[in-house]
Amino acid sequence: MQELFGPLSMRALEDDRYVRQTEGYLPKANVAFVDEIFKANSAILNTLLTVLNERLFDNGTNREQVPLLCLVSPLLKVACHCLLSPALRQDRTSACLCLIQPLKL
């Protein structure tokens, strides 16, 4: 999770707080590229669902606004993960996946 949302703050952990350092990571991004998004585990998919639907990120006890305008995620294998993933099945109106076949040169 730290690759997307930032590493845990060691200083906050010393104070018994579970907070991520989000500067330079997805919660502070305007545009993001996430490779093979559907290979992520359910915890990441659930967090991404909140980020994409509500533009919010739960960081410890705080709920931060996410300035995300666009998230791009290419897929190497074509699959119907929108219907299969429990994280995306919760809100069918938000799960929109356009599958475009790559050009053959």
N, C-alpha and C. Protein backbone atom coordinates (compact mmCIF):
# COMPACT_ATOMS: atom_id res chain seq x y z
N MET A 1 0.81 -1.20 0.00
CA MET A 1 0.00 0.00 0.00
C MET A 1 0.85 1.25 0.00
N GLN A 2 2.06 1.14 0.53
CA GLN A 2 2.87 2.35 0.62
C GLN A 2 3.31 2.86 -0.74
N GLU A 3 3.35 1.97 -1.76
CA GLU A 3 3.74 2.43 -3.10
C GLU A 3 2.70 3.40 -3.67
N LEU A 4 1.44 3.21 -3.31
CA LEU A 4 0.38 4.09 -3.81
C LEU A 4 0.05 5.24 -2.87
N PHE A 5 -0.07 4.93 -1.60
CA PHE A 5 -0.60 5.90 -0.65
C PHE A 5 0.44 6.54 0.26
N GLY A 6 1.69 6.09 0.17
CA GLY A 6 2.76 6.68 0.96
C GLY A 6 3.15 5.82 2.15
N PRO A 7 4.38 6.00 2.62
CA PRO A 7 4.87 5.21 3.76
C PRO A 7 4.25 5.67 5.08
N LEU A 8 4.27 4.79 6.04
CA LEU A 8 3.79 5.15 7.38
C LEU A 8 4.74 6.14 8.03
N SER A 9 4.20 7.06 8.78
CA SER A 9 5.02 8.03 9.51
C SER A 9 5.52 7.38 10.79
N MET A 10 6.83 7.24 10.90
CA MET A 10 7.42 6.62 12.09
C MET A 10 7.20 7.50 13.33
N ARG A 11 7.26 8.81 13.15
CA ARG A 11 7.02 9.71 14.29
C ARG A 11 5.60 9.58 14.80
N ALA A 12 4.65 9.42 13.88
CA ALA A 12 3.26 9.25 14.30
C ALA A 12 3.08 7.91 15.01
N LEU A 13 3.76 6.87 14.53
CA LEU A 13 3.67 5.56 15.18
C LEU A 13 4.18 5.61 16.61
N GLU A 14 5.21 6.42 16.86
CA GLU A 14 5.73 6.58 18.22
C GLU A 14 4.68 7.20 19.14
N ASP A 15 3.77 7.98 18.55
CA ASP A 15 2.67 8.61 19.31
C ASP A 15 1.39 7.78 19.22
N ASP A 16 1.51 6.51 18.81
CA ASP A 16 0.36 5.60 18.68
C ASP A 16 -0.67 6.09 17.67
N ARG A 17 -0.19 6.69 16.58
CA ARG A 17 -1.08 7.12 15.50
C ARG A 17 -0.66 6.41 14.22
N TYR A 18 -1.63 5.96 13.43
CA TYR A 18 -1.38 5.27 12.17
C TYR A 18 -1.65 6.25 11.03
N VAL A 19 -0.60 6.96 10.61
CA VAL A 19 -0.73 8.03 9.62
C VAL A 19 0.28 7.79 8.51
N ARG A 20 -0.14 8.03 7.28
CA ARG A 20 0.76 7.91 6.13
C ARG A 20 1.28 9.28 5.71
N GLN A 21 2.51 9.29 5.21
CA GLN A 21 3.09 10.50 4.62
C GLN A 21 2.68 10.51 3.15
N THR A 22 1.70 11.30 2.81
CA THR A 22 1.09 11.22 1.49
C THR A 22 1.66 12.18 0.45
N GLU A 23 2.54 13.06 0.86
CA GLU A 23 3.11 14.03 -0.09
C GLU A 23 3.89 13.30 -1.17
N GLY A 24 3.53 13.52 -2.44
CA GLY A 24 4.20 12.87 -3.56
C GLY A 24 3.58 11.53 -3.93
N TYR A 25 2.46 11.18 -3.31
CA TYR A 25 1.79 9.91 -3.59
C TYR A 25 0.36 10.17 -4.05
N LEU A 26 -0.38 9.12 -4.36
CA LEU A 26 -1.71 9.22 -4.94
C LEU A 26 -2.67 10.16 -4.20
N PRO A 27 -2.72 10.19 -2.87
CA PRO A 27 -3.67 11.10 -2.21
C PRO A 27 -3.43 12.59 -2.48
N LYS A 28 -2.25 12.94 -2.98
CA LYS A 28 -1.95 14.35 -3.29
C LYS A 28 -1.84 14.61 -4.79
N ALA A 29 -2.12 13.59 -5.62
CA ALA A 29 -1.90 13.69 -7.07
C ALA A 29 -3.12 14.27 -7.79
N ASN A 30 -2.86 14.98 -8.88
CA ASN A 30 -3.91 15.45 -9.77
C ASN A 30 -4.17 14.43 -10.87
N VAL A 31 -3.10 13.79 -11.34
CA VAL A 31 -3.17 12.77 -12.38
C VAL A 31 -2.34 11.59 -11.91
N ALA A 32 -2.85 10.36 -12.11
CA ALA A 32 -2.13 9.18 -11.65
C ALA A 32 -2.15 8.09 -12.71
N PHE A 33 -1.08 7.30 -12.73
CA PHE A 33 -0.94 6.13 -13.58
C PHE A 33 -0.72 4.94 -12.66
N VAL A 34 -1.67 4.01 -12.63
CA VAL A 34 -1.57 2.82 -11.78
C VAL A 34 -1.57 1.61 -12.70
N ASP A 35 -0.44 0.94 -12.79
CA ASP A 35 -0.32 -0.20 -13.70
C ASP A 35 -1.02 -1.43 -13.12
N GLU A 36 -1.77 -2.14 -13.97
CA GLU A 36 -2.45 -3.39 -13.61
C GLU A 36 -3.24 -3.26 -12.30
N ILE A 37 -4.18 -2.35 -12.29
CA ILE A 37 -4.93 -2.01 -11.08
C ILE A 37 -5.68 -3.21 -10.51
N PHE A 38 -6.17 -4.12 -11.36
CA PHE A 38 -6.97 -5.23 -10.87
C PHE A 38 -6.14 -6.38 -10.31
N LYS A 39 -4.83 -6.24 -10.33
CA LYS A 39 -3.98 -7.23 -9.67
C LYS A 39 -3.75 -6.86 -8.20
N ALA A 40 -4.29 -5.73 -7.79
CA ALA A 40 -4.14 -5.27 -6.41
C ALA A 40 -5.03 -6.10 -5.48
N ASN A 41 -4.65 -6.11 -4.20
CA ASN A 41 -5.46 -6.85 -3.23
C ASN A 41 -6.71 -6.05 -2.86
N SER A 42 -7.61 -6.68 -2.11
CA SER A 42 -8.90 -6.05 -1.81
C SER A 42 -8.76 -4.80 -0.96
N ALA A 43 -7.75 -4.73 -0.10
CA ALA A 43 -7.55 -3.53 0.73
C ALA A 43 -7.23 -2.32 -0.16
N ILE A 44 -6.37 -2.51 -1.14
CA ILE A 44 -6.03 -1.42 -2.05
C ILE A 44 -7.22 -1.06 -2.91
N LEU A 45 -7.95 -2.06 -3.42
CA LEU A 45 -9.12 -1.78 -4.25
C LEU A 45 -10.20 -1.03 -3.48
N ASN A 46 -10.41 -1.38 -2.22
CA ASN A 46 -11.40 -0.67 -1.41
C ASN A 46 -10.99 0.78 -1.16
N THR A 47 -9.70 0.99 -0.91
CA THR A 47 -9.21 2.36 -0.70
C THR A 47 -9.32 3.16 -2.00
N LEU A 48 -8.97 2.53 -3.13
CA LEU A 48 -9.09 3.20 -4.42
C LEU A 48 -10.54 3.53 -4.75
N LEU A 49 -11.46 2.68 -4.35
CA LEU A 49 -12.87 2.94 -4.59
C LEU A 49 -13.31 4.23 -3.91
N THR A 50 -12.88 4.43 -2.66
CA THR A 50 -13.19 5.65 -1.93
C THR A 50 -12.52 6.86 -2.58
N VAL A 51 -11.27 6.69 -2.99
CA VAL A 51 -10.54 7.79 -3.63
C VAL A 51 -11.22 8.19 -4.93
N LEU A 52 -11.60 7.21 -5.75
CA LEU A 52 -12.19 7.52 -7.06
C LEU A 52 -13.62 8.03 -6.95
N ASN A 53 -14.41 7.45 -6.06
CA ASN A 53 -15.82 7.86 -5.93
C ASN A 53 -15.99 9.18 -5.20
N GLU A 54 -15.33 9.29 -4.06
CA GLU A 54 -15.58 10.42 -3.17
C GLU A 54 -14.47 11.45 -3.15
N ARG A 55 -13.35 11.14 -3.78
CA ARG A 55 -12.15 11.98 -3.76
C ARG A 55 -11.72 12.25 -2.32
N LEU A 56 -11.77 11.19 -1.49
CA LEU A 56 -11.36 11.27 -0.09
C LEU A 56 -10.41 10.13 0.23
N PHE A 57 -9.47 10.39 1.16
CA PHE A 57 -8.52 9.38 1.61
C PHE A 57 -8.49 9.41 3.13
N ASP A 58 -8.75 8.26 3.74
CA ASP A 58 -8.70 8.14 5.20
C ASP A 58 -7.26 7.95 5.64
N ASN A 59 -6.71 8.97 6.30
CA ASN A 59 -5.33 8.94 6.77
C ASN A 59 -5.35 9.04 8.28
N GLY A 60 -5.27 7.88 8.94
CA GLY A 60 -5.40 7.86 10.39
C GLY A 60 -6.83 8.22 10.75
N THR A 61 -6.99 9.21 11.62
CA THR A 61 -8.33 9.64 12.01
C THR A 61 -8.84 10.79 11.13
N ASN A 62 -8.01 11.26 10.21
CA ASN A 62 -8.39 12.36 9.32
C ASN A 62 -8.89 11.83 7.99
N ARG A 63 -9.81 12.55 7.40
CA ARG A 63 -10.30 12.24 6.05
C ARG A 63 -9.85 13.40 5.16
N GLU A 64 -8.90 13.12 4.26
CA GLU A 64 -8.30 14.16 3.42
C GLU A 64 -8.95 14.23 2.05
N GLN A 65 -9.10 15.45 1.53
CA GLN A 65 -9.56 15.65 0.16
C GLN A 65 -8.46 15.20 -0.80
N VAL A 66 -8.83 14.54 -1.89
CA VAL A 66 -7.89 14.10 -2.92
C VAL A 66 -8.16 14.93 -4.17
N PRO A 67 -7.14 15.64 -4.70
CA PRO A 67 -7.36 16.51 -5.87
C PRO A 67 -7.32 15.77 -7.21
N LEU A 68 -7.49 14.46 -7.20
CA LEU A 68 -7.35 13.62 -8.39
C LEU A 68 -8.35 14.00 -9.48
N LEU A 69 -7.84 14.26 -10.67
CA LEU A 69 -8.67 14.57 -11.83
C LEU A 69 -8.79 13.38 -12.77
N CYS A 70 -7.71 12.58 -12.86
CA CYS A 70 -7.68 11.49 -13.81
C CYS A 70 -6.78 10.37 -13.30
N LEU A 71 -7.25 9.14 -13.41
CA LEU A 71 -6.43 7.96 -13.08
C LEU A 71 -6.46 7.05 -14.29
N VAL A 72 -5.28 6.67 -14.79
CA VAL A 72 -5.15 5.80 -15.95
C VAL A 72 -4.53 4.49 -15.48
N SER A 73 -5.11 3.37 -15.95
CA SER A 73 -4.59 2.07 -15.58
C SER A 73 -4.69 1.11 -16.76
N PRO A 74 -3.56 0.81 -17.41
CA PRO A 74 -3.61 -0.15 -18.51
C PRO A 74 -3.72 -1.58 -17.99
N LEU A 75 -4.32 -2.44 -18.79
CA LEU A 75 -4.45 -3.86 -18.45
C LEU A 75 -3.82 -4.69 -19.56
N LEU A 76 -3.01 -5.65 -19.21
CA LEU A 76 -2.43 -6.53 -20.21
C LEU A 76 -3.39 -7.64 -20.61
N LYS A 77 -4.16 -8.12 -19.65
CA LYS A 77 -5.12 -9.18 -19.93
C LYS A 77 -6.52 -8.59 -19.87
N VAL A 78 -7.31 -8.89 -20.87
CA VAL A 78 -8.68 -8.42 -20.91
C VAL A 78 -9.53 -9.32 -20.02
N ALA A 79 -10.25 -8.72 -19.08
CA ALA A 79 -11.10 -9.49 -18.17
C ALA A 79 -12.25 -8.62 -17.69
N CYS A 80 -13.29 -9.26 -17.21
CA CYS A 80 -14.45 -8.54 -16.67
C CYS A 80 -14.31 -8.41 -15.18
N HIS A 81 -13.29 -7.74 -14.72
CA HIS A 81 -13.07 -7.58 -13.30
C HIS A 81 -14.07 -6.63 -12.65
N CYS A 82 -14.71 -5.78 -13.43
CA CYS A 82 -15.70 -4.86 -12.86
C CYS A 82 -16.80 -5.64 -12.16
N LEU A 83 -17.21 -6.72 -12.76
CA LEU A 83 -18.32 -7.49 -12.20
C LEU A 83 -17.85 -8.49 -11.15
N LEU A 84 -16.56 -8.87 -11.21
CA LEU A 84 -16.06 -9.91 -10.32
C LEU A 84 -15.48 -9.37 -9.02
N SER A 85 -14.93 -8.18 -9.05
CA SER A 85 -14.25 -7.63 -7.88
C SER A 85 -15.26 -7.15 -6.83
N PRO A 86 -15.21 -7.70 -5.60
CA PRO A 86 -16.15 -7.26 -4.56
C PRO A 86 -16.02 -5.77 -4.26
N ALA A 87 -14.81 -5.24 -4.36
CA ALA A 87 -14.61 -3.82 -4.05
C ALA A 87 -15.36 -2.94 -5.04
N LEU A 88 -15.37 -3.33 -6.31
CA LEU A 88 -16.04 -2.51 -7.31
C LEU A 88 -17.51 -2.86 -7.46
N ARG A 89 -17.92 -4.02 -6.97
CA ARG A 89 -19.32 -4.43 -7.07
C ARG A 89 -20.21 -3.63 -6.12
N GLN A 90 -19.62 -2.99 -5.11
CA GLN A 90 -20.40 -2.25 -4.12
C GLN A 90 -21.19 -1.10 -4.75
N ASP A 91 -20.57 -0.42 -5.70
CA ASP A 91 -21.22 0.72 -6.33
C ASP A 91 -21.06 0.58 -7.83
N ARG A 92 -22.01 -0.04 -8.47
CA ARG A 92 -21.89 -0.33 -9.91
C ARG A 92 -21.87 0.93 -10.76
N THR A 93 -22.38 2.04 -10.25
CA THR A 93 -22.39 3.26 -11.04
C THR A 93 -21.00 3.85 -11.20
N SER A 94 -20.08 3.51 -10.31
CA SER A 94 -18.76 4.12 -10.36
C SER A 94 -17.76 3.27 -11.13
N ALA A 95 -18.05 1.98 -11.31
CA ALA A 95 -17.09 1.09 -11.94
C ALA A 95 -17.28 1.12 -13.45
N CYS A 96 -16.44 1.87 -14.09
CA CYS A 96 -16.51 1.99 -15.55
C CYS A 96 -15.15 1.61 -16.11
N LEU A 97 -15.11 0.59 -16.91
CA LEU A 97 -13.84 0.11 -17.45
C LEU A 97 -13.96 0.03 -18.96
N CYS A 98 -13.16 0.78 -19.64
CA CYS A 98 -13.14 0.73 -21.10
C CYS A 98 -11.97 -0.13 -21.54
N LEU A 99 -12.26 -1.20 -22.23
CA LEU A 99 -11.20 -2.09 -22.70
C LEU A 99 -10.93 -1.79 -24.17
N ILE A 100 -9.73 -1.37 -24.45
CA ILE A 100 -9.35 -1.04 -25.82
C ILE A 100 -8.23 -1.99 -26.20
N GLN A 101 -8.43 -2.68 -27.31
CA GLN A 101 -7.42 -3.61 -27.78
C GLN A 101 -6.19 -2.82 -28.25
N PRO A 102 -4.98 -3.29 -27.89
CA PRO A 102 -3.77 -2.59 -28.33
C PRO A 102 -3.60 -2.68 -29.85
N LEU A 103 -2.99 -1.66 -30.41
CA LEU A 103 -2.72 -1.65 -31.85
C LEU A 103 -1.64 -2.67 -32.18
N LYS A 104 -1.81 -3.37 -33.26
CA LYS A 104 -0.79 -4.31 -33.72
C LYS A 104 0.00 -3.63 -34.81
N LEU A 105 1.28 -3.41 -34.53
CA LEU A 105 2.12 -2.71 -35.51
C LEU A 105 2.84 -3.68 -36.40
